C-alpha atoms as a PDB file:
ATOM      1  CA  UNK A   1     -12.203  -3.946  18.225  1.00  0.00           C
ATOM      2  CA  UNK A   2     -10.078  -5.775  15.665  1.00  0.00           C
ATOM      3  CA  UNK A   3      -6.823  -4.003  16.465  1.00  0.00           C
ATOM      4  CA  UNK A   4      -7.190  -3.093  20.128  1.00  0.00           C
ATOM      5  CA  UNK A   5      -3.780  -2.417  21.727  1.00  0.00           C
ATOM      6  CA  UNK A   6      -1.964  -3.109  18.431  1.00  0.00           C
ATOM      7  CA  UNK A   7       0.878  -0.804  17.377  1.00  0.00           C
ATOM      8  CA  UNK A   8       0.751   0.061  13.681  1.00  0.00           C
ATOM      9  CA  UNK A   9       3.249   1.881  11.485  1.00  0.00           C
ATOM     10  CA  UNK A  10       1.980   3.200   8.155  1.00  0.00           C
ATOM     11  CA  UNK A  11       4.521   4.377   5.597  1.00  0.00           C
ATOM     12  CA  UNK A  12       2.780   6.650   3.132  1.00  0.00           C
ATOM     13  CA  UNK A  13       0.463   7.508   5.983  1.00  0.00           C
ATOM     14  CA  UNK A  14      -0.606  10.788   4.420  1.00  0.00           C
ATOM     15  CA  UNK A  15      -1.577   9.254   1.082  1.00  0.00           C
ATOM     16  CA  UNK A  16      -4.984   8.072  -0.065  1.00  0.00           C
ATOM     17  CA  UNK A  17      -4.722   4.438   1.040  1.00  0.00           C
ATOM     18  CA  UNK A  18      -2.515   5.228   4.027  1.00  0.00           C
ATOM     19  CA  UNK A  19      -4.910   7.827   5.422  1.00  0.00           C
ATOM     20  CA  UNK A  20      -7.930   5.581   4.838  1.00  0.00           C
ATOM     21  CA  UNK A  21      -6.170   2.727   6.621  1.00  0.00           C
ATOM     22  CA  UNK A  22      -5.254   5.056   9.480  1.00  0.00           C
ATOM     23  CA  UNK A  23      -8.923   5.937   9.990  1.00  0.00           C
ATOM     24  CA  UNK A  24     -10.049   2.311  10.057  1.00  0.00           C
ATOM     25  CA  UNK A  25      -7.101   1.192  12.191  1.00  0.00           C
ATOM     26  CA  UNK A  26      -7.932   4.033  14.608  1.00  0.00           C
ATOM     27  CA  UNK A  27     -11.578   3.010  14.851  1.00  0.00           C
ATOM     28  CA  UNK A  28     -10.438  -0.553  15.564  1.00  0.00           C
ATOM     29  CA  UNK A  29      -8.240   0.500  18.475  1.00  0.00           C
ATOM     30  CA  UNK A  30      -4.691   0.673  17.078  1.00  0.00           C
ATOM     31  CA  UNK A  31      -1.918   2.950  18.332  1.00  0.00           C
ATOM     32  CA  UNK A  32      -0.674   4.691  15.171  1.00  0.00           C
ATOM     33  CA  UNK A  33       2.635   5.952  13.860  1.00  0.00           C
ATOM     34  CA  UNK A  34       2.243   7.656  10.470  1.00  0.00           C
ATOM     35  CA  UNK A  35       5.312   8.292   8.330  1.00  0.00           C
ATOM     36  CA  UNK A  36       5.583  10.094   5.011  1.00  0.00           C
ATOM     37  CA  UNK A  37       7.188  12.965   3.163  1.00  0.00           C
ATOM     38  CA  UNK A  38       4.402  15.570   3.418  1.00  0.00           C
ATOM     39  CA  UNK A  39       3.841  16.957   6.901  1.00  0.00           C
ATOM     40  CA  UNK A  40       0.553  18.695   6.001  1.00  0.00           C
ATOM     41  CA  UNK A  41      -0.910  15.455   4.635  1.00  0.00           C
ATOM     42  CA  UNK A  42       0.360  13.508   7.645  1.00  0.00           C
ATOM     43  CA  UNK A  43      -1.208  16.044   9.989  1.00  0.00           C
ATOM     44  CA  UNK A  44      -4.522  15.799   8.175  1.00  0.00           C
ATOM     45  CA  UNK A  45      -4.488  11.996   8.353  1.00  0.00           C
ATOM     46  CA  UNK A  46      -3.484  12.091  12.024  1.00  0.00           C
ATOM     47  CA  UNK A  47      -6.253  14.561  12.862  1.00  0.00           C
ATOM     48  CA  UNK A  48      -8.874  12.300  11.282  1.00  0.00           C
ATOM     49  CA  UNK A  49      -7.534   9.285  13.185  1.00  0.00           C
ATOM     50  CA  UNK A  50      -7.387  11.168  16.475  1.00  0.00           C
ATOM     51  CA  UNK A  51     -11.023  12.208  16.054  1.00  0.00           C
ATOM     52  CA  UNK A  52     -11.809   8.482  16.250  1.00  0.00           C
ATOM     53  CA  UNK A  53      -9.970   8.145  19.545  1.00  0.00           C
ATOM     54  CA  UNK A  54      -6.532   6.983  18.416  1.00  0.00           C
ATOM     55  CA  UNK A  55      -3.180   8.042  19.798  1.00  0.00           C
ATOM     56  CA  UNK A  56      -1.177   9.091  16.739  1.00  0.00           C
ATOM     57  CA  UNK A  57       2.422  10.174  16.189  1.00  0.00           C
ATOM     58  CA  UNK A  58       3.664  11.481  12.849  1.00  0.00           C
ATOM     59  CA  UNK A  59       7.166  11.665  11.384  1.00  0.00           C
ATOM     60  CA  UNK A  60       8.509  13.056   8.136  1.00  0.00           C
ATOM     61  CA  UNK A  61      10.418  10.078   6.727  1.00  0.00           C
ATOM     62  CA  UNK A  62      11.521   9.230   3.192  1.00  0.00           C
ATOM     63  CA  UNK A  63      10.557   5.567   2.835  1.00  0.00           C
ATOM     64  CA  UNK A  64      13.243   5.120   0.176  1.00  0.00           C
ATOM     65  CA  UNK A  65      15.968   6.040   2.688  1.00  0.00           C
ATOM     66  CA  UNK A  66      17.153   2.975   4.604  1.00  0.00           C
ATOM     67  CA  UNK A  67      18.945   4.960   7.308  1.00  0.00           C
ATOM     68  CA  UNK A  68      15.953   7.244   7.909  1.00  0.00           C
ATOM     69  CA  UNK A  69      13.488   4.349   8.042  1.00  0.00           C
ATOM     70  CA  UNK A  70      15.687   2.345  10.424  1.00  0.00           C
ATOM     71  CA  UNK A  71      16.014   5.368  12.698  1.00  0.00           C
ATOM     72  CA  UNK A  72      12.258   5.925  12.734  1.00  0.00           C
ATOM     73  CA  UNK A  73      11.495   2.269  13.489  1.00  0.00           C
ATOM     74  CA  UNK A  74      13.942   2.398  16.389  1.00  0.00           C
ATOM     75  CA  UNK A  75      12.145   5.503  17.658  1.00  0.00           C
ATOM     76  CA  UNK A  76       8.767   3.766  17.404  1.00  0.00           C
ATOM     77  CA  UNK A  77       9.949   0.716  19.326  1.00  0.00           C
ATOM     78  CA  UNK A  78      11.520   2.968  21.971  1.00  0.00           C
ATOM     79  CA  UNK A  79       8.160   4.723  22.463  1.00  0.00           C
ATOM     80  CA  UNK A  80       5.705   1.836  22.005  1.00  0.00           C
ATOM     81  CA  UNK A  81       7.846  -1.161  22.918  1.00  0.00           C
ATOM     82  CA  UNK A  82       6.751  -3.196  19.870  1.00  0.00           C
ATOM     83  CA  UNK A  83       5.393  -3.051  16.319  1.00  0.00           C
ATOM     84  CA  UNK A  84       2.464  -5.317  15.495  1.00  0.00           C
ATOM     85  CA  UNK A  85       1.479  -4.028  12.050  1.00  0.00           C
ATOM     86  CA  UNK A  86       3.449  -2.391   9.276  1.00  0.00           C
ATOM     87  CA  UNK A  87       1.724  -1.120   6.126  1.00  0.00           C
ATOM     88  CA  UNK A  88       3.625   0.269   3.164  1.00  0.00           C
ATOM     89  CA  UNK A  89       1.102   2.427   1.285  1.00  0.00           C
ATOM     90  CA  UNK A  90       3.695   4.528  -0.534  1.00  0.00           C
ATOM     91  CA  UNK A  91       2.647   5.517  -4.039  1.00  0.00           C
ATOM     92  CA  UNK A  92       4.044   7.791  -6.716  1.00  0.00           C
ATOM     93  CA  UNK A  93       3.407   8.834 -10.302  1.00  0.00           C
ATOM     94  CA  UNK A  94       5.003   6.816 -13.081  1.00  0.00           C
ATOM     95  CA  UNK A  95       4.674   6.251 -16.806  1.00  0.00           C
ATOM     96  CA  UNK A  96       1.922   3.990 -18.116  1.00  0.00           C
ATOM     97  CA  UNK A  97       0.147   3.775 -21.442  1.00  0.00           C
ATOM     98  CA  UNK A  98       3.113   3.967 -23.816  1.00  0.00           C
ATOM     99  CA  UNK A  99       4.290   1.310 -26.241  1.00  0.00           C
ATOM    100  CA  UNK A 100       7.678  -0.200 -25.448  1.00  0.00           C
ATOM    101  CA  UNK A 101       9.231   1.689 -28.371  1.00  0.00           C
ATOM    102  CA  UNK A 102       8.142   4.987 -26.811  1.00  0.00           C
ATOM    103  CA  UNK A 103       9.162   4.082 -23.253  1.00  0.00           C
ATOM    104  CA  UNK A 104      12.614   5.044 -22.004  1.00  0.00           C
ATOM    105  CA  UNK A 105      14.629   2.674 -19.852  1.00  0.00           C
ATOM    106  CA  UNK A 106      14.460   5.209 -17.013  1.00  0.00           C
ATOM    107  CA  UNK A 107      10.660   5.407 -17.205  1.00  0.00           C
ATOM    108  CA  UNK A 108      10.380   1.613 -17.272  1.00  0.00           C
ATOM    109  CA  UNK A 109      12.649   1.174 -14.250  1.00  0.00           C
ATOM    110  CA  UNK A 110      11.217   4.053 -12.194  1.00  0.00           C
ATOM    111  CA  UNK A 111       8.254   2.121 -10.718  1.00  0.00           C
ATOM    112  CA  UNK A 112      10.178  -1.165 -10.620  1.00  0.00           C
ATOM    113  CA  UNK A 113      13.079   0.133  -8.569  1.00  0.00           C
ATOM    114  CA  UNK A 114      10.999   2.626  -6.605  1.00  0.00           C
ATOM    115  CA  UNK A 115       8.239   0.353  -5.323  1.00  0.00           C
ATOM    116  CA  UNK A 116      10.536  -2.602  -4.741  1.00  0.00           C
ATOM    117  CA  UNK A 117      13.073  -0.411  -2.954  1.00  0.00           C
ATOM    118  CA  UNK A 118      10.627   1.182  -0.528  1.00  0.00           C
ATOM    119  CA  UNK A 119       8.967  -2.130   0.306  1.00  0.00           C
ATOM    120  CA  UNK A 120      12.338  -3.806   0.882  1.00  0.00           C
ATOM    121  CA  UNK A 121      13.545  -0.948   3.076  1.00  0.00           C
ATOM    122  CA  UNK A 122      10.431  -0.801   5.255  1.00  0.00           C
ATOM    123  CA  UNK A 123       9.958  -4.576   5.513  1.00  0.00           C
ATOM    124  CA  UNK A 124      13.585  -5.086   6.464  1.00  0.00           C
ATOM    125  CA  UNK A 125      13.356  -2.417   9.151  1.00  0.00           C
ATOM    126  CA  UNK A 126      10.143  -3.684  10.780  1.00  0.00           C
ATOM    127  CA  UNK A 127      11.180  -7.333  10.540  1.00  0.00           C
ATOM    128  CA  UNK A 128      13.805  -6.751  13.227  1.00  0.00           C
ATOM    129  CA  UNK A 129      11.400  -5.970  16.098  1.00  0.00           C
ATOM    130  CA  UNK A 130       8.788  -8.390  14.766  1.00  0.00           C
ATOM    131  CA  UNK A 131      11.222 -11.316  14.723  1.00  0.00           C
ATOM    132  CA  UNK A 132      12.430 -10.367  18.204  1.00  0.00           C
ATOM    133  CA  UNK A 133       8.885 -10.354  19.609  1.00  0.00           C
ATOM    134  CA  UNK A 134       7.807 -13.440  17.639  1.00  0.00           C
ATOM    135  CA  UNK A 135       4.822 -11.855  15.943  1.00  0.00           C
ATOM    136  CA  UNK A 136       3.722  -9.180  13.494  1.00  0.00           C
ATOM    137  CA  UNK A 137       2.007  -8.473  10.189  1.00  0.00           C
ATOM    138  CA  UNK A 138       3.574  -6.805   7.153  1.00  0.00           C
ATOM    139  CA  UNK A 139       1.093  -5.446   4.603  1.00  0.00           C
ATOM    140  CA  UNK A 140       1.992  -4.545   1.005  1.00  0.00           C
ATOM    141  CA  UNK A 141      -0.061  -3.008  -1.824  1.00  0.00           C
ATOM    142  CA  UNK A 142       0.015  -4.286  -5.409  1.00  0.00           C
ATOM    143  CA  UNK A 143      -2.035  -3.477  -8.542  1.00  0.00           C
ATOM    144  CA  UNK A 144      -3.950  -5.486 -11.174  1.00  0.00           C
ATOM    145  CA  UNK A 145      -0.979  -4.948 -13.489  1.00  0.00           C
ATOM    146  CA  UNK A 146       0.635  -7.998 -11.901  1.00  0.00           C
ATOM    147  CA  UNK A 147      -1.834 -10.160 -13.820  1.00  0.00           C
ATOM    148  CA  UNK A 148      -2.855  -8.033 -16.807  1.00  0.00           C
ATOM    149  CA  UNK A 149      -1.389  -7.840 -20.281  1.00  0.00           C
ATOM    150  CA  UNK A 150      -1.458  -5.256 -23.041  1.00  0.00           C
ATOM    151  CA  UNK A 151       0.127  -2.088 -24.346  1.00  0.00           C
ATOM    152  CA  UNK A 152       1.560   0.368 -21.866  1.00  0.00           C
ATOM    153  CA  UNK A 153       1.723  -1.867 -18.810  1.00  0.00           C
ATOM    154  CA  UNK A 154       5.310  -3.111 -18.837  1.00  0.00           C
ATOM    155  CA  UNK A 155       6.683  -0.985 -15.993  1.00  0.00           C
ATOM    156  CA  UNK A 156       3.598  -1.342 -13.821  1.00  0.00           C
ATOM    157  CA  UNK A 157       3.372  -5.066 -14.568  1.00  0.00           C
ATOM    158  CA  UNK A 158       7.006  -5.695 -13.646  1.00  0.00           C
ATOM    159  CA  UNK A 159       6.677  -3.627 -10.463  1.00  0.00           C
ATOM    160  CA  UNK A 160       3.461  -5.269  -9.295  1.00  0.00           C
ATOM    161  CA  UNK A 161       4.475  -8.825 -10.161  1.00  0.00           C
ATOM    162  CA  UNK A 162       7.814  -8.237  -8.453  1.00  0.00           C
ATOM    163  CA  UNK A 163       6.157  -6.913  -5.312  1.00  0.00           C
ATOM    164  CA  UNK A 164       3.780  -9.863  -5.144  1.00  0.00           C
ATOM    165  CA  UNK A 165       6.705 -12.263  -5.539  1.00  0.00           C
ATOM    166  CA  UNK A 166       8.629 -10.359  -2.869  1.00  0.00           C
ATOM    167  CA  UNK A 167       5.665 -10.626  -0.500  1.00  0.00           C
ATOM    168  CA  UNK A 168       5.261 -14.370  -1.016  1.00  0.00           C
ATOM    169  CA  UNK A 169       8.970 -15.006  -0.495  1.00  0.00           C
ATOM    170  CA  UNK A 170       9.050 -12.803   2.602  1.00  0.00           C
ATOM    171  CA  UNK A 171       6.098 -14.702   4.065  1.00  0.00           C
ATOM    172  CA  UNK A 172       8.066 -17.921   3.725  1.00  0.00           C
ATOM    173  CA  UNK A 173      11.139 -16.427   5.345  1.00  0.00           C
ATOM    174  CA  UNK A 174       9.386 -14.766   8.281  1.00  0.00           C
ATOM    175  CA  UNK A 175       6.642 -17.323   8.909  1.00  0.00           C
ATOM    176  CA  UNK A 176       8.742 -19.490  11.250  1.00  0.00           C
ATOM    177  CA  UNK A 177       9.282 -16.382  13.403  1.00  0.00           C
ATOM    178  CA  UNK A 178       5.514 -15.848  13.702  1.00  0.00           C
ATOM    179  CA  UNK A 179       5.401 -12.926  11.258  1.00  0.00           C
ATOM    180  CA  UNK A 180       2.705 -12.841   8.573  1.00  0.00           C
ATOM    181  CA  UNK A 181       2.918 -11.080   5.199  1.00  0.00           C
ATOM    182  CA  UNK A 182      -0.221 -10.168   3.252  1.00  0.00           C
ATOM    183  CA  UNK A 183      -0.257  -8.407  -0.120  1.00  0.00           C
ATOM    184  CA  UNK A 184      -3.453  -6.592  -1.112  1.00  0.00           C
ATOM    185  CA  UNK A 185      -4.236  -5.962  -4.786  1.00  0.00           C
ATOM    186  CA  UNK A 186      -6.963  -3.343  -5.270  1.00  0.00           C
ATOM    187  CA  UNK A 187      -8.019  -1.803  -8.568  1.00  0.00           C
ATOM    188  CA  UNK A 188      -8.143   1.929  -9.271  1.00  0.00           C
ATOM    189  CA  UNK A 189     -10.414   3.780  -6.850  1.00  0.00           C
ATOM    190  CA  UNK A 190     -12.657   6.654  -7.931  1.00  0.00           C
ATOM    191  CA  UNK A 191     -12.501   8.280  -4.514  1.00  0.00           C
ATOM    192  CA  UNK A 192      -8.698   8.329  -4.620  1.00  0.00           C
ATOM    193  CA  UNK A 193      -8.508  10.396  -7.809  1.00  0.00           C
ATOM    194  CA  UNK A 194      -8.520  13.759  -6.025  1.00  0.00           C
ATOM    195  CA  UNK A 195      -6.032  12.787  -3.311  1.00  0.00           C
ATOM    196  CA  UNK A 196      -3.436  10.746  -5.201  1.00  0.00           C
ATOM    197  CA  UNK A 197      -1.272  10.770  -8.299  1.00  0.00           C
ATOM    198  CA  UNK A 198      -3.719   8.544 -10.160  1.00  0.00           C
ATOM    199  CA  UNK A 199      -5.873  11.295 -11.715  1.00  0.00           C
ATOM    200  CA  UNK A 200      -2.849  12.831 -13.423  1.00  0.00           C
ATOM    201  CA  UNK A 201      -1.456   9.451 -14.482  1.00  0.00           C
ATOM    202  CA  UNK A 202      -4.753   8.110 -15.807  1.00  0.00           C
ATOM    203  CA  UNK A 203      -5.437  11.478 -17.421  1.00  0.00           C
ATOM    204  CA  UNK A 204      -2.225  11.236 -19.442  1.00  0.00           C
ATOM    205  CA  UNK A 205      -3.092   7.739 -20.598  1.00  0.00           C
ATOM    206  CA  UNK A 206      -6.589   8.820 -21.647  1.00  0.00           C
ATOM    207  CA  UNK A 207      -5.262  11.884 -23.468  1.00  0.00           C
ATOM    208  CA  UNK A 208      -2.590   9.866 -25.290  1.00  0.00           C
ATOM    209  CA  UNK A 209      -5.323   7.441 -26.347  1.00  0.00           C
ATOM    210  CA  UNK A 210      -7.579  10.240 -27.564  1.00  0.00           C
ATOM    211  CA  UNK A 211     -10.283   9.292 -25.051  1.00  0.00           C
ATOM    212  CA  UNK A 212     -12.101  11.586 -22.638  1.00  0.00           C
ATOM    213  CA  UNK A 213     -11.061  10.974 -19.041  1.00  0.00           C
ATOM    214  CA  UNK A 214     -14.541   9.980 -17.895  1.00  0.00           C
ATOM    215  CA  UNK A 215     -14.899   7.556 -20.771  1.00  0.00           C
ATOM    216  CA  UNK A 216     -11.521   6.019 -19.980  1.00  0.00           C
ATOM    217  CA  UNK A 217     -12.487   5.524 -16.331  1.00  0.00           C
ATOM    218  CA  UNK A 218     -15.785   3.997 -17.452  1.00  0.00           C
ATOM    219  CA  UNK A 219     -13.678   1.485 -19.360  1.00  0.00           C
ATOM    220  CA  UNK A 220     -12.029   0.405 -16.097  1.00  0.00           C
ATOM    221  CA  UNK A 221     -15.443  -0.016 -14.513  1.00  0.00           C
ATOM    222  CA  UNK A 222     -16.510  -2.111 -17.491  1.00  0.00           C
ATOM    223  CA  UNK A 223     -13.650  -4.529 -16.795  1.00  0.00           C
ATOM    224  CA  UNK A 224     -15.132  -5.524 -13.437  1.00  0.00           C
ATOM    225  CA  UNK A 225     -17.681  -8.239 -12.706  1.00  0.00           C
ATOM    226  CA  UNK A 226     -19.410  -6.052 -10.117  1.00  0.00           C
ATOM    227  CA  UNK A 227     -19.801  -3.087 -12.444  1.00  0.00           C
ATOM    228  CA  UNK A 228     -17.910  -0.801 -10.079  1.00  0.00           C
ATOM    229  CA  UNK A 229     -14.445  -0.130  -8.743  1.00  0.00           C
ATOM    230  CA  UNK A 230     -13.391  -0.681  -5.120  1.00  0.00           C
ATOM    231  CA  UNK A 231     -13.392   2.216  -2.672  1.00  0.00           C
ATOM    232  CA  UNK A 232     -10.711   3.410  -0.280  1.00  0.00           C
ATOM    233  CA  UNK A 233     -12.795   2.391   2.725  1.00  0.00           C
ATOM    234  CA  UNK A 234     -13.235  -1.137   1.352  1.00  0.00           C
ATOM    235  CA  UNK A 235      -9.498  -1.513   0.908  1.00  0.00           C
ATOM    236  CA  UNK A 236      -8.836  -0.085   4.377  1.00  0.00           C
ATOM    237  CA  UNK A 237     -11.388  -2.432   5.974  1.00  0.00           C
ATOM    238  CA  UNK A 238      -9.696  -5.429   4.360  1.00  0.00           C
ATOM    239  CA  UNK A 239      -6.279  -4.253   5.513  1.00  0.00           C
ATOM    240  CA  UNK A 240      -7.586  -4.007   9.077  1.00  0.00           C
ATOM    241  CA  UNK A 241      -9.005  -7.518   8.921  1.00  0.00           C
ATOM    242  CA  UNK A 242      -5.788  -8.913   7.399  1.00  0.00           C
ATOM    243  CA  UNK A 243      -3.782  -7.276  10.189  1.00  0.00           C
ATOM    244  CA  UNK A 244      -6.033  -8.627  12.931  1.00  0.00           C
ATOM    245  CA  UNK A 245      -5.862 -11.833  14.915  1.00  0.00           C
ATOM    246  CA  UNK A 246      -9.001 -13.000  13.104  1.00  0.00           C
ATOM    247  CA  UNK A 247      -6.749 -13.508  10.073  1.00  0.00           C
ATOM    248  CA  UNK A 248      -3.920 -15.112  12.032  1.00  0.00           C
ATOM    249  CA  UNK A 249      -3.725 -18.132   9.664  1.00  0.00           C
ATOM    250  CA  UNK A 250      -3.519 -15.956   6.535  1.00  0.00           C
ATOM    251  CA  UNK A 251      -0.037 -15.326   5.125  1.00  0.00           C
ATOM    252  CA  UNK A 252       1.754 -15.497   1.792  1.00  0.00           C
ATOM    253  CA  UNK A 253      -1.404 -14.501  -0.085  1.00  0.00           C
ATOM    254  CA  UNK A 254      -2.395 -11.787  -2.536  1.00  0.00           C
ATOM    255  CA  UNK A 255      -5.893 -10.545  -1.696  1.00  0.00           C
ATOM    256  CA  UNK A 256      -7.878  -9.772  -4.843  1.00  0.00           C
ATOM    257  CA  UNK A 257      -9.812  -6.504  -4.319  1.00  0.00           C
ATOM    258  CA  UNK A 258     -10.325  -5.718  -8.022  1.00  0.00           C
ATOM    259  CA  UNK A 259     -14.140  -6.022  -7.921  1.00  0.00           C
ATOM    260  CA  UNK A 260     -13.801  -8.880 -10.380  1.00  0.00           C
ATOM    261  CA  UNK A 261     -11.527  -7.242 -12.930  1.00  0.00           C
ATOM    262  CA  UNK A 262      -9.299 -10.226 -12.205  1.00  0.00           C
ATOM    263  CA  UNK A 263     -10.655 -13.667 -11.362  1.00  0.00           C
ATOM    264  CA  UNK A 264      -8.372 -16.034  -9.462  1.00  0.00           C
END
């Protein structure tokens, strides 16, 4: 198993990507600690992971709150003795699709400050035990907006590009301590629409553009070289590989899981 005897913390563990990662991490032998703001969603994700044989703890934690995250990480290390993997899969609705003249400063900054804040807070907290033990993997999640251009992307583009830059810089800082940092950049996922904020967000963009939702999603598919979008399981499988010792020479990278919407 890829992650046998590894201790993994997933912030946003009840969300679409977080829960999918929990299932794959569980199958691969990890001991799981799921943190998030919705206890029912955490319990559902934990139940699915436990059905695959994993030992799972859950905690209601606001991943924007530095004090709360620090406290939870201390609790995890007290229980498990170490943290080998930390995934920030936190996601939240934000404004996309509007021209700059129709976008407020608050709406522009909401994803920028939000995503960069939660990733800073969680990475800072888990870096302490990882540096002390001389090993660990920090996983972050970006979007194609980091590399795309066009109307309505400014907030998402700034957030995603900033997070990718943060991840590269963090890899350079923590590498000498034996800690790897891998950023994963998937595209939209059809099977996440019913369990995440993306259906509502994409629906607003389609409506503002005067396009039926299905037609708008077909447009995303048409952007890809493979003629399809990635799935949650594909993203989760890559996260498990990136966190494993089989990827122990991989750090400071942005993994392109856009199905060819972007070509590096």
